N, C-alpha and C. Protein backbone atom coordinates (compact mmCIF):
# COMPACT_ATOMS: atom_id res chain seq x y z
N LYS A 1 116.80 -140.61 -56.68
CA LYS A 1 115.75 -140.06 -55.85
C LYS A 1 114.80 -141.16 -55.40
N ALA A 2 114.48 -142.04 -56.32
CA ALA A 2 113.55 -143.13 -55.99
C ALA A 2 114.14 -144.05 -54.93
N ASP A 3 115.45 -144.31 -55.01
CA ASP A 3 116.10 -145.16 -54.01
C ASP A 3 116.03 -144.53 -52.63
N PHE A 4 116.20 -143.23 -52.56
CA PHE A 4 116.14 -142.55 -51.27
C PHE A 4 114.73 -142.60 -50.70
N ILE A 5 113.74 -142.39 -51.54
CA ILE A 5 112.35 -142.44 -51.08
C ILE A 5 112.01 -143.85 -50.60
N ASN A 6 112.46 -144.88 -51.32
CA ASN A 6 112.24 -146.26 -50.89
C ASN A 6 112.96 -146.55 -49.58
N PHE A 7 114.15 -146.00 -49.44
CA PHE A 7 114.93 -146.19 -48.22
C PHE A 7 114.16 -145.67 -47.00
N ILE A 8 113.48 -144.54 -47.17
CA ILE A 8 112.72 -143.96 -46.07
C ILE A 8 111.37 -144.66 -45.91
N SER A 9 110.63 -144.82 -46.99
CA SER A 9 109.27 -145.35 -46.89
C SER A 9 109.25 -146.82 -46.48
N GLU A 10 110.21 -147.60 -46.89
CA GLU A 10 110.26 -149.02 -46.53
C GLU A 10 111.05 -149.27 -45.26
N ARG A 11 111.47 -148.22 -44.60
CA ARG A 11 112.18 -148.27 -43.31
C ARG A 11 113.45 -149.13 -43.37
N GLU A 12 114.16 -149.03 -44.49
CA GLU A 12 115.43 -149.75 -44.60
C GLU A 12 116.49 -149.15 -43.69
N TRP A 13 116.28 -147.91 -43.26
CA TRP A 13 117.24 -147.25 -42.39
C TRP A 13 117.34 -147.92 -41.03
N LYS A 14 116.33 -148.69 -40.65
CA LYS A 14 116.39 -149.38 -39.35
C LYS A 14 117.42 -150.51 -39.34
N SER A 15 117.76 -151.03 -40.51
CA SER A 15 118.72 -152.14 -40.57
C SER A 15 120.17 -151.67 -40.53
N ILE A 16 120.41 -150.37 -40.58
CA ILE A 16 121.77 -149.83 -40.58
C ILE A 16 122.18 -149.54 -39.13
N GLU A 17 123.38 -149.97 -38.78
CA GLU A 17 123.87 -149.71 -37.43
C GLU A 17 124.26 -148.25 -37.29
N PRO A 18 124.04 -147.68 -36.11
CA PRO A 18 124.39 -146.27 -35.92
C PRO A 18 125.91 -146.06 -35.95
N VAL A 19 126.30 -144.85 -36.26
CA VAL A 19 127.71 -144.48 -36.30
C VAL A 19 128.26 -144.53 -34.87
N SER A 20 129.45 -145.06 -34.71
CA SER A 20 130.03 -145.12 -33.37
C SER A 20 130.30 -143.70 -32.88
N SER A 21 130.35 -143.54 -31.57
CA SER A 21 130.56 -142.21 -31.00
C SER A 21 131.92 -141.64 -31.40
N TRP A 22 132.86 -142.52 -31.73
CA TRP A 22 134.18 -142.06 -32.14
C TRP A 22 134.12 -141.25 -33.42
N PHE A 23 133.20 -141.61 -34.33
CA PHE A 23 133.07 -140.92 -35.61
C PHE A 23 131.85 -140.02 -35.66
N GLY A 24 131.20 -139.79 -34.54
CA GLY A 24 130.04 -138.91 -34.50
C GLY A 24 130.43 -137.46 -34.78
N PRO A 25 129.48 -136.64 -35.19
CA PRO A 25 129.80 -135.26 -35.55
C PRO A 25 130.34 -134.42 -34.40
N SER A 26 130.00 -134.75 -33.18
CA SER A 26 130.48 -133.95 -32.04
C SER A 26 131.66 -134.59 -31.32
N SER A 27 132.24 -135.64 -31.89
CA SER A 27 133.37 -136.29 -31.25
C SER A 27 134.63 -135.45 -31.38
N PHE A 28 135.62 -135.75 -30.57
CA PHE A 28 136.88 -135.02 -30.60
C PHE A 28 137.54 -135.16 -31.96
N LEU A 29 137.50 -136.35 -32.54
CA LEU A 29 138.13 -136.59 -33.84
C LEU A 29 137.51 -135.72 -34.93
N MET A 30 136.19 -135.68 -34.99
CA MET A 30 135.53 -134.89 -36.03
C MET A 30 135.66 -133.40 -35.76
N SER A 31 135.67 -133.00 -34.50
CA SER A 31 135.88 -131.58 -34.19
C SER A 31 137.29 -131.16 -34.59
N SER A 32 138.26 -132.03 -34.40
CA SER A 32 139.63 -131.74 -34.80
C SER A 32 139.75 -131.63 -36.31
N MET A 33 139.09 -132.53 -37.01
CA MET A 33 139.10 -132.47 -38.48
C MET A 33 138.45 -131.17 -38.97
N SER A 34 137.37 -130.76 -38.34
CA SER A 34 136.71 -129.52 -38.70
C SER A 34 137.63 -128.33 -38.47
N ALA A 35 138.33 -128.32 -37.33
CA ALA A 35 139.27 -127.23 -37.05
C ALA A 35 140.40 -127.21 -38.07
N LEU A 36 140.87 -128.38 -38.48
CA LEU A 36 141.92 -128.44 -39.48
C LEU A 36 141.45 -127.86 -40.82
N PHE A 37 140.24 -128.20 -41.23
CA PHE A 37 139.71 -127.67 -42.48
C PHE A 37 139.48 -126.17 -42.39
N GLN A 38 139.00 -125.69 -41.24
CA GLN A 38 138.81 -124.25 -41.06
C GLN A 38 140.15 -123.52 -41.10
N PHE A 39 141.17 -124.12 -40.51
CA PHE A 39 142.50 -123.52 -40.53
C PHE A 39 143.04 -123.46 -41.96
N SER A 40 142.82 -124.51 -42.73
CA SER A 40 143.30 -124.51 -44.12
C SER A 40 142.56 -123.45 -44.95
N MET A 41 141.28 -123.23 -44.67
CA MET A 41 140.55 -122.19 -45.38
C MET A 41 141.05 -120.81 -44.95
N TRP A 42 141.42 -120.64 -43.70
CA TRP A 42 141.99 -119.38 -43.23
C TRP A 42 143.32 -119.10 -43.93
N ILE A 43 144.14 -120.14 -44.06
CA ILE A 43 145.42 -119.98 -44.76
C ILE A 43 145.18 -119.60 -46.21
N ARG A 44 144.21 -120.22 -46.84
CA ARG A 44 143.87 -119.89 -48.23
C ARG A 44 143.41 -118.43 -48.34
N HIS A 45 142.61 -117.99 -47.37
CA HIS A 45 142.15 -116.61 -47.35
C HIS A 45 143.34 -115.66 -47.20
N CYS A 46 144.25 -115.99 -46.30
CA CYS A 46 145.45 -115.15 -46.09
C CYS A 46 146.30 -115.10 -47.35
N HIS A 47 146.45 -116.23 -48.02
CA HIS A 47 147.22 -116.27 -49.27
C HIS A 47 146.57 -115.36 -50.31
N GLY A 48 145.26 -115.44 -50.43
CA GLY A 48 144.55 -114.58 -51.37
C GLY A 48 144.71 -113.11 -51.02
N TYR A 49 144.64 -112.80 -49.73
CA TYR A 49 144.82 -111.41 -49.30
C TYR A 49 146.22 -110.91 -49.64
N LEU A 50 147.23 -111.73 -49.34
CA LEU A 50 148.60 -111.31 -49.60
C LEU A 50 148.87 -111.12 -51.09
N THR A 51 148.34 -112.00 -51.92
CA THR A 51 148.63 -111.92 -53.35
C THR A 51 147.75 -110.92 -54.08
N GLU A 52 146.48 -110.78 -53.66
CA GLU A 52 145.56 -109.91 -54.39
C GLU A 52 145.50 -108.50 -53.82
N SER A 53 145.34 -108.38 -52.51
CA SER A 53 145.18 -107.05 -51.91
C SER A 53 146.51 -106.35 -51.68
N VAL A 54 147.48 -107.08 -51.16
CA VAL A 54 148.78 -106.48 -50.86
C VAL A 54 149.64 -106.40 -52.11
N GLY A 55 149.44 -107.32 -53.04
CA GLY A 55 150.23 -107.33 -54.27
C GLY A 55 151.53 -108.12 -54.15
N MET A 56 151.61 -108.96 -53.15
CA MET A 56 152.82 -109.77 -52.97
C MET A 56 152.84 -110.88 -54.02
N PRO A 57 154.00 -111.19 -54.58
CA PRO A 57 154.05 -112.31 -55.53
C PRO A 57 153.74 -113.63 -54.81
N VAL A 58 153.33 -114.60 -55.59
CA VAL A 58 152.93 -115.89 -55.02
C VAL A 58 154.10 -116.52 -54.26
N TRP A 59 155.31 -116.44 -54.81
CA TRP A 59 156.45 -117.04 -54.12
C TRP A 59 156.70 -116.32 -52.79
N GLY A 60 156.39 -115.03 -52.71
CA GLY A 60 156.55 -114.30 -51.46
C GLY A 60 155.57 -114.78 -50.40
N SER A 61 154.34 -115.04 -50.83
CA SER A 61 153.34 -115.58 -49.91
C SER A 61 153.77 -116.96 -49.40
N TYR A 62 154.28 -117.79 -50.31
CA TYR A 62 154.78 -119.11 -49.89
C TYR A 62 155.94 -118.97 -48.91
N ALA A 63 156.79 -117.99 -49.15
CA ALA A 63 157.92 -117.77 -48.24
C ALA A 63 157.44 -117.35 -46.86
N VAL A 64 156.40 -116.50 -46.81
CA VAL A 64 155.84 -116.08 -45.52
C VAL A 64 155.30 -117.29 -44.76
N PHE A 65 154.57 -118.15 -45.46
CA PHE A 65 154.01 -119.33 -44.80
C PHE A 65 155.10 -120.32 -44.41
N ALA A 66 156.13 -120.43 -45.20
CA ALA A 66 157.25 -121.32 -44.85
C ALA A 66 157.95 -120.82 -43.59
N LEU A 67 158.19 -119.52 -43.53
CA LEU A 67 158.83 -118.96 -42.34
C LEU A 67 157.93 -119.07 -41.11
N ALA A 68 156.63 -118.89 -41.30
CA ALA A 68 155.69 -119.05 -40.19
C ALA A 68 155.68 -120.49 -39.70
N THR A 69 155.76 -121.44 -40.62
CA THR A 69 155.80 -122.85 -40.24
C THR A 69 157.07 -123.17 -39.45
N LEU A 70 158.21 -122.68 -39.95
CA LEU A 70 159.47 -122.91 -39.24
C LEU A 70 159.48 -122.22 -37.88
N GLY A 71 158.94 -121.02 -37.82
CA GLY A 71 158.89 -120.31 -36.55
C GLY A 71 158.00 -120.99 -35.52
N SER A 72 156.83 -121.45 -35.97
CA SER A 72 155.95 -122.15 -35.03
C SER A 72 156.56 -123.48 -34.59
N ALA A 73 157.27 -124.16 -35.49
CA ALA A 73 157.94 -125.41 -35.10
C ALA A 73 159.04 -125.13 -34.07
N LEU A 74 159.76 -124.02 -34.26
CA LEU A 74 160.79 -123.65 -33.30
C LEU A 74 160.18 -123.36 -31.94
N ILE A 75 159.11 -122.60 -31.92
CA ILE A 75 158.46 -122.26 -30.65
C ILE A 75 157.90 -123.51 -29.97
N LEU A 76 157.22 -124.36 -30.72
CA LEU A 76 156.68 -125.59 -30.14
C LEU A 76 157.79 -126.50 -29.63
N GLY A 77 158.90 -126.56 -30.35
CA GLY A 77 160.03 -127.36 -29.89
C GLY A 77 160.62 -126.82 -28.60
N LEU A 78 160.75 -125.50 -28.51
CA LEU A 78 161.28 -124.90 -27.29
C LEU A 78 160.33 -125.09 -26.11
N VAL A 79 159.04 -124.95 -26.35
CA VAL A 79 158.06 -125.15 -25.28
C VAL A 79 158.07 -126.60 -24.81
N SER A 80 158.11 -127.54 -25.75
CA SER A 80 158.12 -128.95 -25.35
C SER A 80 159.39 -129.30 -24.60
N GLU A 81 160.51 -128.72 -25.00
CA GLU A 81 161.76 -128.95 -24.28
C GLU A 81 161.71 -128.34 -22.89
N ALA A 82 161.11 -127.16 -22.80
CA ALA A 82 160.99 -126.51 -21.50
C ALA A 82 160.10 -127.31 -20.57
N LEU A 83 159.04 -127.86 -21.09
CA LEU A 83 158.14 -128.67 -20.26
C LEU A 83 158.82 -129.97 -19.84
N GLU A 84 159.64 -130.50 -20.73
CA GLU A 84 160.32 -131.77 -20.44
C GLU A 84 161.37 -131.58 -19.35
N THR A 85 162.07 -130.48 -19.36
CA THR A 85 163.13 -130.25 -18.37
C THR A 85 162.68 -129.44 -17.17
N ASN A 86 161.38 -129.17 -17.08
CA ASN A 86 160.79 -128.46 -15.94
C ASN A 86 161.37 -127.08 -15.74
N TRP A 87 161.55 -126.32 -16.81
CA TRP A 87 162.04 -124.95 -16.70
C TRP A 87 161.03 -124.06 -16.00
N PHE A 88 159.74 -124.37 -16.17
CA PHE A 88 158.70 -123.50 -15.63
C PHE A 88 158.43 -123.76 -14.17
N VAL A 89 158.96 -124.82 -13.62
CA VAL A 89 158.65 -125.18 -12.22
C VAL A 89 159.71 -124.64 -11.31
């Protein structure tokens, strides 16, 4: 606590260089990291719902997420292939 008070009162904060815009809180990188953490918390919430409220066994919840991962990879692969070969044009 004393170090923090000295840091403020003696104006040591002026000697520190500001954070680059790349790592700033509103940058694309930090916004993406925030979205990733929010998504992981949503997955955790869904896992808890499936195991506690629905009564699904833990391995069943893992199987649901594994199938969802494979399905989304399949869809993203098909979309990227479609965009590459100009199916939509």
